[in-house]
Amino acid sequence: MHKEWFEPVLAHQLDRVAAPEELWERVRNPGVVGKKKSVPMSGNAARVGACATVLLLATWLVVGRSGLRSGDPGEIRAWVKTQAGIDVPLRARPAGIQLMGANFAKGSVEIAYRVGGRDGRLRVDGRHAGSSAKVFTWSMQGHTYTLECATPEDLKTACNLCHIG
């Protein structure tokens, strides 16, 4: 998980709230309980669970994401340029690659993609991450690019994001 956007959303959404006054009344006078029509607990638990799941998913997808979900290279390129001021030279149809979207946080742009069902990412920022069989780093136009893949073969395919194979 990406802590740079996930933790602040949880901290904001799970912040302390004031207890309702009726709760304090019930705490002070535990013997006084009003009779209400009974509803089966299993139905309530299922409803509450479903609502909580939907709320959490909506928060994660809408509020907590400072990114773009798209497979369109043009849309991703325009979004990255607007958000970060970086013109990433994505190809119109990168061969063998499925684009997933982009994220921008703490001065770093991350473009997510898949090669053969495996996740990879292209990160553009000022940090130099080094290179290995599954990671390749280079600098261009004042920016540091880091391409990370699941396998060395994926790294060769991922070059198609910006270059012709």
N, C-alpha and C. Protein backbone atom coordinates (compact mmCIF):
# COMPACT_ATOMS: atom_id res chain seq x y z
N MET A 1 0.84 -1.17 0.00
CA MET A 1 0.00 0.00 0.00
C MET A 1 0.89 1.23 0.00
N HIS A 2 0.38 2.32 -0.48
CA HIS A 2 1.11 3.57 -0.57
C HIS A 2 0.78 4.44 0.63
N LYS A 3 1.69 4.45 1.62
CA LYS A 3 1.44 5.13 2.88
C LYS A 3 1.32 6.63 2.73
N GLU A 4 1.96 7.20 1.68
CA GLU A 4 1.94 8.65 1.57
C GLU A 4 0.55 9.21 1.35
N TRP A 5 -0.38 8.44 0.82
CA TRP A 5 -1.76 8.95 0.68
C TRP A 5 -2.73 8.17 1.54
N PHE A 6 -2.41 6.95 1.91
CA PHE A 6 -3.34 6.10 2.65
C PHE A 6 -3.44 6.52 4.12
N GLU A 7 -2.28 6.76 4.76
CA GLU A 7 -2.30 7.10 6.17
C GLU A 7 -2.99 8.43 6.47
N PRO A 8 -2.76 9.51 5.68
CA PRO A 8 -3.48 10.76 5.96
C PRO A 8 -4.99 10.62 5.83
N VAL A 9 -5.46 9.80 4.88
CA VAL A 9 -6.90 9.61 4.71
C VAL A 9 -7.47 8.89 5.94
N LEU A 10 -6.78 7.86 6.40
CA LEU A 10 -7.25 7.15 7.59
C LEU A 10 -7.23 8.08 8.81
N ALA A 11 -6.17 8.86 8.95
CA ALA A 11 -6.09 9.76 10.09
C ALA A 11 -7.24 10.76 10.07
N HIS A 12 -7.57 11.26 8.89
CA HIS A 12 -8.67 12.22 8.77
C HIS A 12 -10.02 11.56 8.99
N GLN A 13 -10.24 10.41 8.37
CA GLN A 13 -11.54 9.76 8.44
C GLN A 13 -11.81 9.09 9.78
N LEU A 14 -10.75 8.70 10.49
CA LEU A 14 -10.92 7.99 11.76
C LEU A 14 -10.61 8.89 12.95
N ASP A 15 -10.75 10.19 12.77
CA ASP A 15 -10.47 11.14 13.84
C ASP A 15 -11.54 11.03 14.93
N ARG A 16 -11.24 11.57 16.12
CA ARG A 16 -12.19 11.55 17.24
C ARG A 16 -13.41 12.40 16.92
N VAL A 17 -14.55 11.96 17.43
CA VAL A 17 -15.80 12.71 17.31
C VAL A 17 -16.47 12.74 18.68
N ALA A 18 -17.32 13.72 18.87
CA ALA A 18 -18.04 13.84 20.15
C ALA A 18 -19.16 12.80 20.20
N ALA A 19 -19.33 12.19 21.39
CA ALA A 19 -20.41 11.21 21.57
C ALA A 19 -21.75 11.94 21.62
N PRO A 20 -22.81 11.34 21.08
CA PRO A 20 -24.13 11.97 21.16
C PRO A 20 -24.59 12.08 22.61
N GLU A 21 -25.35 13.11 22.91
CA GLU A 21 -25.81 13.35 24.28
C GLU A 21 -26.66 12.17 24.80
N GLU A 22 -27.44 11.56 23.92
CA GLU A 22 -28.29 10.44 24.36
C GLU A 22 -27.44 9.26 24.85
N LEU A 23 -26.24 9.10 24.32
CA LEU A 23 -25.36 8.04 24.79
C LEU A 23 -24.93 8.31 26.23
N TRP A 24 -24.55 9.56 26.51
CA TRP A 24 -24.14 9.90 27.87
C TRP A 24 -25.30 9.73 28.85
N GLU A 25 -26.52 10.02 28.42
CA GLU A 25 -27.68 9.82 29.27
C GLU A 25 -27.84 8.34 29.61
N ARG A 26 -27.63 7.47 28.62
CA ARG A 26 -27.74 6.03 28.86
C ARG A 26 -26.61 5.53 29.75
N VAL A 27 -25.42 6.16 29.67
CA VAL A 27 -24.31 5.76 30.53
C VAL A 27 -24.59 6.16 31.98
N ARG A 28 -25.14 7.36 32.17
CA ARG A 28 -25.45 7.84 33.53
C ARG A 28 -26.60 7.07 34.17
N ASN A 29 -27.60 6.67 33.39
CA ASN A 29 -28.79 5.96 33.90
C ASN A 29 -28.95 4.62 33.17
N PRO A 30 -28.10 3.64 33.51
CA PRO A 30 -28.13 2.37 32.77
C PRO A 30 -29.41 1.56 32.94
N GLY A 31 -30.14 1.75 34.01
CA GLY A 31 -31.35 0.96 34.24
C GLY A 31 -32.54 1.44 33.42
N VAL A 32 -32.51 2.66 32.93
CA VAL A 32 -33.64 3.23 32.20
C VAL A 32 -33.40 3.02 30.71
N VAL A 33 -34.09 2.02 30.18
CA VAL A 33 -33.96 1.72 28.75
C VAL A 33 -35.36 1.68 28.17
N GLY A 34 -35.56 2.43 27.12
CA GLY A 34 -36.88 2.45 26.48
C GLY A 34 -37.11 1.18 25.68
N LYS A 35 -38.35 0.73 25.65
CA LYS A 35 -38.71 -0.46 24.86
C LYS A 35 -38.93 -0.03 23.42
N LYS A 36 -38.25 -0.72 22.54
CA LYS A 36 -38.41 -0.45 21.12
C LYS A 36 -38.75 -1.74 20.42
N LYS A 37 -39.31 -1.59 19.25
CA LYS A 37 -39.64 -2.76 18.44
C LYS A 37 -38.35 -3.49 18.06
N SER A 38 -38.33 -4.77 18.27
CA SER A 38 -37.14 -5.56 18.01
C SER A 38 -36.96 -5.83 16.51
N VAL A 39 -35.73 -5.73 16.06
CA VAL A 39 -35.37 -6.04 14.68
C VAL A 39 -34.32 -7.14 14.74
N PRO A 40 -34.42 -8.12 13.88
CA PRO A 40 -33.43 -9.21 13.92
C PRO A 40 -32.00 -8.67 13.80
N MET A 41 -31.13 -9.08 14.69
CA MET A 41 -29.76 -8.58 14.74
C MET A 41 -28.94 -8.99 13.52
N SER A 42 -29.18 -10.16 12.98
CA SER A 42 -28.38 -10.60 11.84
C SER A 42 -28.61 -9.68 10.63
N GLY A 43 -29.83 -9.22 10.44
CA GLY A 43 -30.12 -8.29 9.34
C GLY A 43 -29.43 -6.95 9.56
N ASN A 44 -29.45 -6.45 10.80
CA ASN A 44 -28.78 -5.19 11.11
C ASN A 44 -27.27 -5.31 10.91
N ALA A 45 -26.69 -6.39 11.37
CA ALA A 45 -25.24 -6.57 11.24
C ALA A 45 -24.83 -6.60 9.77
N ALA A 46 -25.62 -7.27 8.95
CA ALA A 46 -25.31 -7.34 7.52
C ALA A 46 -25.42 -5.96 6.88
N ARG A 47 -26.46 -5.19 7.26
CA ARG A 47 -26.62 -3.84 6.71
C ARG A 47 -25.47 -2.93 7.13
N VAL A 48 -25.13 -2.97 8.41
CA VAL A 48 -24.04 -2.14 8.91
C VAL A 48 -22.72 -2.52 8.23
N GLY A 49 -22.47 -3.79 8.10
CA GLY A 49 -21.25 -4.25 7.43
C GLY A 49 -21.19 -3.81 5.98
N ALA A 50 -22.31 -3.91 5.28
CA ALA A 50 -22.35 -3.49 3.88
C ALA A 50 -22.13 -1.99 3.76
N CYS A 51 -22.78 -1.22 4.63
CA CYS A 51 -22.61 0.25 4.60
C CYS A 51 -21.16 0.64 4.90
N ALA A 52 -20.57 -0.02 5.89
CA ALA A 52 -19.18 0.30 6.24
C ALA A 52 -18.24 -0.02 5.08
N THR A 53 -18.47 -1.15 4.42
CA THR A 53 -17.64 -1.53 3.29
C THR A 53 -17.76 -0.53 2.15
N VAL A 54 -18.98 -0.14 1.83
CA VAL A 54 -19.20 0.84 0.76
C VAL A 54 -18.56 2.17 1.11
N LEU A 55 -18.71 2.61 2.34
CA LEU A 55 -18.13 3.88 2.78
C LEU A 55 -16.61 3.86 2.70
N LEU A 56 -16.00 2.78 3.16
CA LEU A 56 -14.55 2.66 3.11
C LEU A 56 -14.05 2.64 1.68
N LEU A 57 -14.70 1.88 0.82
CA LEU A 57 -14.31 1.81 -0.59
C LEU A 57 -14.46 3.16 -1.26
N ALA A 58 -15.56 3.85 -1.01
CA ALA A 58 -15.78 5.17 -1.60
C ALA A 58 -14.72 6.16 -1.11
N THR A 59 -14.39 6.11 0.16
CA THR A 59 -13.36 7.00 0.70
C THR A 59 -12.03 6.71 0.05
N TRP A 60 -11.69 5.45 -0.10
CA TRP A 60 -10.41 5.07 -0.70
C TRP A 60 -10.35 5.50 -2.16
N LEU A 61 -11.43 5.28 -2.91
CA LEU A 61 -11.42 5.58 -4.33
C LEU A 61 -11.54 7.07 -4.63
N VAL A 62 -12.35 7.79 -3.87
CA VAL A 62 -12.63 9.17 -4.21
C VAL A 62 -11.81 10.15 -3.38
N VAL A 63 -11.92 10.09 -2.08
CA VAL A 63 -11.29 11.08 -1.22
C VAL A 63 -9.79 10.84 -1.11
N GLY A 64 -9.39 9.61 -0.90
CA GLY A 64 -8.01 9.33 -0.58
C GLY A 64 -7.05 9.31 -1.74
N ARG A 65 -7.50 9.34 -2.93
CA ARG A 65 -6.61 9.22 -4.07
C ARG A 65 -6.32 10.57 -4.68
N SER A 66 -5.06 10.89 -4.79
CA SER A 66 -4.67 12.08 -5.51
C SER A 66 -4.08 11.62 -6.83
N GLY A 67 -4.86 10.83 -7.54
CA GLY A 67 -4.34 10.26 -8.77
C GLY A 67 -5.41 10.12 -9.83
N LEU A 68 -5.01 9.45 -10.88
CA LEU A 68 -5.86 9.24 -12.03
C LEU A 68 -5.87 7.76 -12.37
N ARG A 69 -7.05 7.21 -12.59
CA ARG A 69 -7.17 5.83 -13.05
C ARG A 69 -7.56 5.89 -14.52
N SER A 70 -6.66 5.46 -15.37
CA SER A 70 -6.92 5.51 -16.81
C SER A 70 -5.92 4.62 -17.53
N GLY A 71 -6.33 4.10 -18.66
CA GLY A 71 -5.45 3.33 -19.52
C GLY A 71 -5.07 4.11 -20.77
N ASP A 72 -5.49 5.38 -20.85
CA ASP A 72 -5.25 6.22 -22.01
C ASP A 72 -3.94 6.99 -21.83
N PRO A 73 -2.91 6.70 -22.66
CA PRO A 73 -1.62 7.38 -22.52
C PRO A 73 -1.73 8.90 -22.64
N GLY A 74 -2.58 9.40 -23.54
CA GLY A 74 -2.74 10.84 -23.72
C GLY A 74 -3.32 11.49 -22.49
N GLU A 75 -4.31 10.85 -21.89
CA GLU A 75 -4.94 11.38 -20.69
C GLU A 75 -3.95 11.38 -19.52
N ILE A 76 -3.19 10.28 -19.38
CA ILE A 76 -2.20 10.20 -18.31
C ILE A 76 -1.11 11.26 -18.50
N ARG A 77 -0.63 11.40 -19.73
CA ARG A 77 0.42 12.38 -20.02
C ARG A 77 -0.06 13.80 -19.68
N ALA A 78 -1.29 14.14 -20.09
CA ALA A 78 -1.85 15.47 -19.81
C ALA A 78 -2.03 15.68 -18.31
N TRP A 79 -2.50 14.65 -17.60
CA TRP A 79 -2.72 14.76 -16.16
C TRP A 79 -1.40 14.99 -15.43
N VAL A 80 -0.36 14.22 -15.80
CA VAL A 80 0.96 14.37 -15.16
C VAL A 80 1.52 15.76 -15.43
N LYS A 81 1.35 16.26 -16.65
CA LYS A 81 1.85 17.59 -16.98
C LYS A 81 1.13 18.66 -16.17
N THR A 82 -0.19 18.51 -16.00
CA THR A 82 -0.97 19.47 -15.22
C THR A 82 -0.61 19.41 -13.74
N GLN A 83 -0.50 18.21 -13.19
CA GLN A 83 -0.26 18.03 -11.75
C GLN A 83 1.18 18.33 -11.35
N ALA A 84 2.15 17.87 -12.16
CA ALA A 84 3.56 17.94 -11.75
C ALA A 84 4.41 18.83 -12.64
N GLY A 85 3.87 19.25 -13.78
CA GLY A 85 4.65 20.07 -14.70
C GLY A 85 5.71 19.28 -15.45
N ILE A 86 5.54 17.97 -15.53
CA ILE A 86 6.51 17.11 -16.22
C ILE A 86 5.84 16.51 -17.45
N ASP A 87 6.50 16.65 -18.59
CA ASP A 87 5.96 16.08 -19.82
C ASP A 87 6.61 14.72 -20.05
N VAL A 88 5.95 13.67 -19.58
CA VAL A 88 6.46 12.30 -19.73
C VAL A 88 6.12 11.83 -21.14
N PRO A 89 7.12 11.44 -21.93
CA PRO A 89 6.87 11.10 -23.33
C PRO A 89 6.27 9.70 -23.54
N LEU A 90 5.05 9.49 -23.07
CA LEU A 90 4.39 8.19 -23.24
C LEU A 90 3.98 8.00 -24.69
N ARG A 91 4.16 6.79 -25.20
CA ARG A 91 3.73 6.46 -26.56
C ARG A 91 2.21 6.30 -26.60
N ALA A 92 1.63 6.53 -27.76
CA ALA A 92 0.18 6.42 -27.93
C ALA A 92 -0.32 5.00 -27.69
N ARG A 93 0.44 4.02 -28.15
CA ARG A 93 0.07 2.61 -27.96
C ARG A 93 1.31 1.81 -27.57
N PRO A 94 1.66 1.80 -26.28
CA PRO A 94 2.85 1.05 -25.87
C PRO A 94 2.63 -0.45 -26.03
N ALA A 95 3.46 -1.09 -26.84
CA ALA A 95 3.32 -2.52 -27.16
C ALA A 95 3.53 -3.39 -25.94
N GLY A 96 2.57 -4.28 -25.66
CA GLY A 96 2.69 -5.26 -24.58
C GLY A 96 2.47 -4.70 -23.19
N ILE A 97 1.98 -3.46 -23.09
CA ILE A 97 1.81 -2.80 -21.80
C ILE A 97 0.38 -2.31 -21.63
N GLN A 98 -0.17 -2.53 -20.46
CA GLN A 98 -1.49 -2.01 -20.13
C GLN A 98 -1.30 -0.93 -19.07
N LEU A 99 -1.58 0.32 -19.42
CA LEU A 99 -1.48 1.41 -18.46
C LEU A 99 -2.64 1.33 -17.47
N MET A 100 -2.37 1.66 -16.20
CA MET A 100 -3.39 1.59 -15.16
C MET A 100 -3.77 2.97 -14.63
N GLY A 101 -2.83 3.92 -14.65
CA GLY A 101 -3.11 5.24 -14.13
C GLY A 101 -1.87 5.91 -13.60
N ALA A 102 -2.07 7.03 -12.90
CA ALA A 102 -0.95 7.79 -12.36
C ALA A 102 -1.31 8.35 -11.00
N ASN A 103 -0.29 8.64 -10.22
CA ASN A 103 -0.46 9.19 -8.89
C ASN A 103 0.61 10.26 -8.69
N PHE A 104 0.27 11.31 -7.96
CA PHE A 104 1.22 12.38 -7.68
C PHE A 104 1.19 12.67 -6.19
N ALA A 105 2.33 12.50 -5.52
CA ALA A 105 2.41 12.77 -4.09
C ALA A 105 3.85 13.13 -3.73
N LYS A 106 3.99 14.12 -2.88
CA LYS A 106 5.30 14.51 -2.35
C LYS A 106 6.32 14.78 -3.45
N GLY A 107 5.91 15.44 -4.51
CA GLY A 107 6.82 15.80 -5.58
C GLY A 107 7.24 14.67 -6.49
N SER A 108 6.59 13.53 -6.37
CA SER A 108 6.94 12.37 -7.18
C SER A 108 5.72 11.90 -7.97
N VAL A 109 5.93 11.61 -9.24
CA VAL A 109 4.87 11.08 -10.10
C VAL A 109 5.11 9.60 -10.27
N GLU A 110 4.05 8.81 -10.16
CA GLU A 110 4.17 7.37 -10.37
C GLU A 110 3.12 6.95 -11.39
N ILE A 111 3.57 6.32 -12.48
CA ILE A 111 2.68 5.82 -13.50
C ILE A 111 2.64 4.30 -13.36
N ALA A 112 1.45 3.78 -13.11
CA ALA A 112 1.29 2.34 -12.90
C ALA A 112 0.92 1.67 -14.22
N TYR A 113 1.46 0.47 -14.42
CA TYR A 113 1.18 -0.29 -15.63
C TYR A 113 1.29 -1.78 -15.33
N ARG A 114 0.88 -2.59 -16.29
CA ARG A 114 1.00 -4.05 -16.16
C ARG A 114 1.64 -4.61 -17.41
N VAL A 115 2.49 -5.60 -17.20
CA VAL A 115 3.12 -6.34 -18.29
C VAL A 115 2.85 -7.81 -18.01
N GLY A 116 2.13 -8.47 -18.89
CA GLY A 116 1.84 -9.89 -18.69
C GLY A 116 1.15 -10.18 -17.38
N GLY A 117 0.28 -9.30 -16.91
CA GLY A 117 -0.45 -9.50 -15.67
C GLY A 117 0.34 -9.16 -14.42
N ARG A 118 1.58 -8.66 -14.59
CA ARG A 118 2.41 -8.29 -13.45
C ARG A 118 2.51 -6.76 -13.37
N ASP A 119 2.46 -6.23 -12.13
CA ASP A 119 2.50 -4.79 -11.93
C ASP A 119 3.90 -4.23 -12.10
N GLY A 120 3.94 -3.00 -12.56
CA GLY A 120 5.19 -2.25 -12.67
C GLY A 120 4.88 -0.78 -12.47
N ARG A 121 5.93 0.03 -12.36
CA ARG A 121 5.70 1.46 -12.22
C ARG A 121 6.87 2.24 -12.79
N LEU A 122 6.52 3.42 -13.29
CA LEU A 122 7.50 4.38 -13.75
C LEU A 122 7.39 5.57 -12.81
N ARG A 123 8.46 5.84 -12.07
CA ARG A 123 8.45 6.95 -11.12
C ARG A 123 9.35 8.06 -11.65
N VAL A 124 8.85 9.28 -11.58
CA VAL A 124 9.63 10.44 -12.02
C VAL A 124 9.74 11.38 -10.82
N ASP A 125 10.99 11.62 -10.39
CA ASP A 125 11.22 12.54 -9.27
C ASP A 125 12.70 12.90 -9.21
N GLY A 126 13.13 13.49 -8.16
CA GLY A 126 14.51 13.92 -8.03
C GLY A 126 15.43 12.92 -7.39
N ARG A 127 14.93 11.75 -7.00
CA ARG A 127 15.76 10.76 -6.32
C ARG A 127 16.34 9.75 -7.31
N HIS A 128 17.55 9.33 -7.07
CA HIS A 128 18.20 8.34 -7.93
C HIS A 128 18.17 7.00 -7.19
N ALA A 129 17.45 6.01 -7.74
CA ALA A 129 17.25 4.73 -7.04
C ALA A 129 18.25 3.66 -7.44
N GLY A 130 19.13 3.94 -8.39
CA GLY A 130 20.07 2.93 -8.83
C GLY A 130 19.45 2.00 -9.85
N SER A 131 20.19 1.02 -10.31
CA SER A 131 19.70 0.09 -11.31
C SER A 131 20.02 -1.34 -10.92
N SER A 132 19.20 -2.26 -11.39
CA SER A 132 19.41 -3.68 -11.17
C SER A 132 18.74 -4.42 -12.31
N ALA A 133 18.57 -5.73 -12.18
CA ALA A 133 17.93 -6.51 -13.23
C ALA A 133 16.45 -6.16 -13.38
N LYS A 134 15.82 -5.61 -12.31
CA LYS A 134 14.39 -5.27 -12.37
C LYS A 134 14.13 -3.78 -12.18
N VAL A 135 15.17 -2.98 -12.04
CA VAL A 135 15.04 -1.54 -11.85
C VAL A 135 16.06 -0.84 -12.75
N PHE A 136 15.59 0.19 -13.45
CA PHE A 136 16.49 0.97 -14.30
C PHE A 136 16.22 2.44 -14.06
N THR A 137 17.29 3.21 -13.81
CA THR A 137 17.17 4.63 -13.51
C THR A 137 17.99 5.43 -14.50
N TRP A 138 17.45 6.57 -14.95
CA TRP A 138 18.16 7.48 -15.83
C TRP A 138 17.65 8.90 -15.60
N SER A 139 18.40 9.87 -16.08
CA SER A 139 18.01 11.27 -15.97
C SER A 139 17.79 11.84 -17.37
N MET A 140 16.76 12.71 -17.46
CA MET A 140 16.44 13.34 -18.73
C MET A 140 15.74 14.66 -18.45
N GLN A 141 16.20 15.74 -19.05
CA GLN A 141 15.60 17.06 -18.94
C GLN A 141 15.40 17.48 -17.47
N GLY A 142 16.39 17.20 -16.64
CA GLY A 142 16.36 17.63 -15.25
C GLY A 142 15.53 16.76 -14.32
N HIS A 143 15.01 15.64 -14.81
CA HIS A 143 14.20 14.74 -13.98
C HIS A 143 14.85 13.37 -13.94
N THR A 144 14.67 12.68 -12.82
CA THR A 144 15.16 11.33 -12.68
C THR A 144 14.00 10.37 -12.89
N TYR A 145 14.17 9.42 -13.79
CA TYR A 145 13.15 8.42 -14.11
C TYR A 145 13.60 7.08 -13.54
N THR A 146 12.69 6.37 -12.89
CA THR A 146 12.99 5.04 -12.37
C THR A 146 11.91 4.08 -12.85
N LEU A 147 12.32 3.08 -13.59
CA LEU A 147 11.40 2.07 -14.13
C LEU A 147 11.58 0.82 -13.29
N GLU A 148 10.49 0.35 -12.67
CA GLU A 148 10.55 -0.84 -11.81
C GLU A 148 9.59 -1.89 -12.34
N CYS A 149 10.06 -3.13 -12.39
CA CYS A 149 9.26 -4.23 -12.94
C CYS A 149 9.39 -5.47 -12.06
N ALA A 150 8.50 -6.42 -12.31
CA ALA A 150 8.51 -7.67 -11.55
C ALA A 150 9.62 -8.61 -12.00
N THR A 151 9.94 -8.61 -13.29
CA THR A 151 10.97 -9.50 -13.83
C THR A 151 11.89 -8.72 -14.78
N PRO A 152 13.10 -9.20 -15.02
CA PRO A 152 13.98 -8.54 -15.98
C PRO A 152 13.38 -8.47 -17.39
N GLU A 153 12.61 -9.49 -17.77
CA GLU A 153 11.97 -9.49 -19.09
C GLU A 153 10.93 -8.36 -19.18
N ASP A 154 10.21 -8.12 -18.08
CA ASP A 154 9.23 -7.04 -18.05
C ASP A 154 9.91 -5.68 -18.24
N LEU A 155 11.12 -5.55 -17.72
CA LEU A 155 11.85 -4.29 -17.83
C LEU A 155 12.13 -3.98 -19.30
N LYS A 156 12.47 -4.98 -20.07
CA LYS A 156 12.71 -4.77 -21.51
C LYS A 156 11.43 -4.34 -22.21
N THR A 157 10.30 -4.96 -21.85
CA THR A 157 9.01 -4.60 -22.45
C THR A 157 8.58 -3.22 -22.00
N ALA A 158 8.84 -2.86 -20.74
CA ALA A 158 8.38 -1.58 -20.19
C ALA A 158 9.04 -0.39 -20.88
N CYS A 159 10.17 -0.58 -21.53
CA CYS A 159 10.78 0.50 -22.28
C CYS A 159 9.86 1.00 -23.39
N ASN A 160 8.89 0.15 -23.77
CA ASN A 160 7.92 0.53 -24.80
C ASN A 160 6.95 1.62 -24.33
N LEU A 161 6.96 1.93 -23.03
CA LEU A 161 6.12 3.03 -22.55
C LEU A 161 6.45 4.31 -23.32
N CYS A 162 7.74 4.55 -23.54
CA CYS A 162 8.18 5.79 -24.19
C CYS A 162 8.90 5.56 -25.51
N HIS A 163 9.45 4.36 -25.71
CA HIS A 163 10.27 4.10 -26.90
C HIS A 163 9.65 3.01 -27.76
N ILE A 164 10.05 2.98 -29.01
CA ILE A 164 9.60 1.92 -29.92
C ILE A 164 10.52 0.73 -29.73
N GLY A 165 9.93 -0.42 -29.41
CA GLY A 165 10.50 -1.65 -29.02
C GLY A 165 11.74 -2.17 -29.55
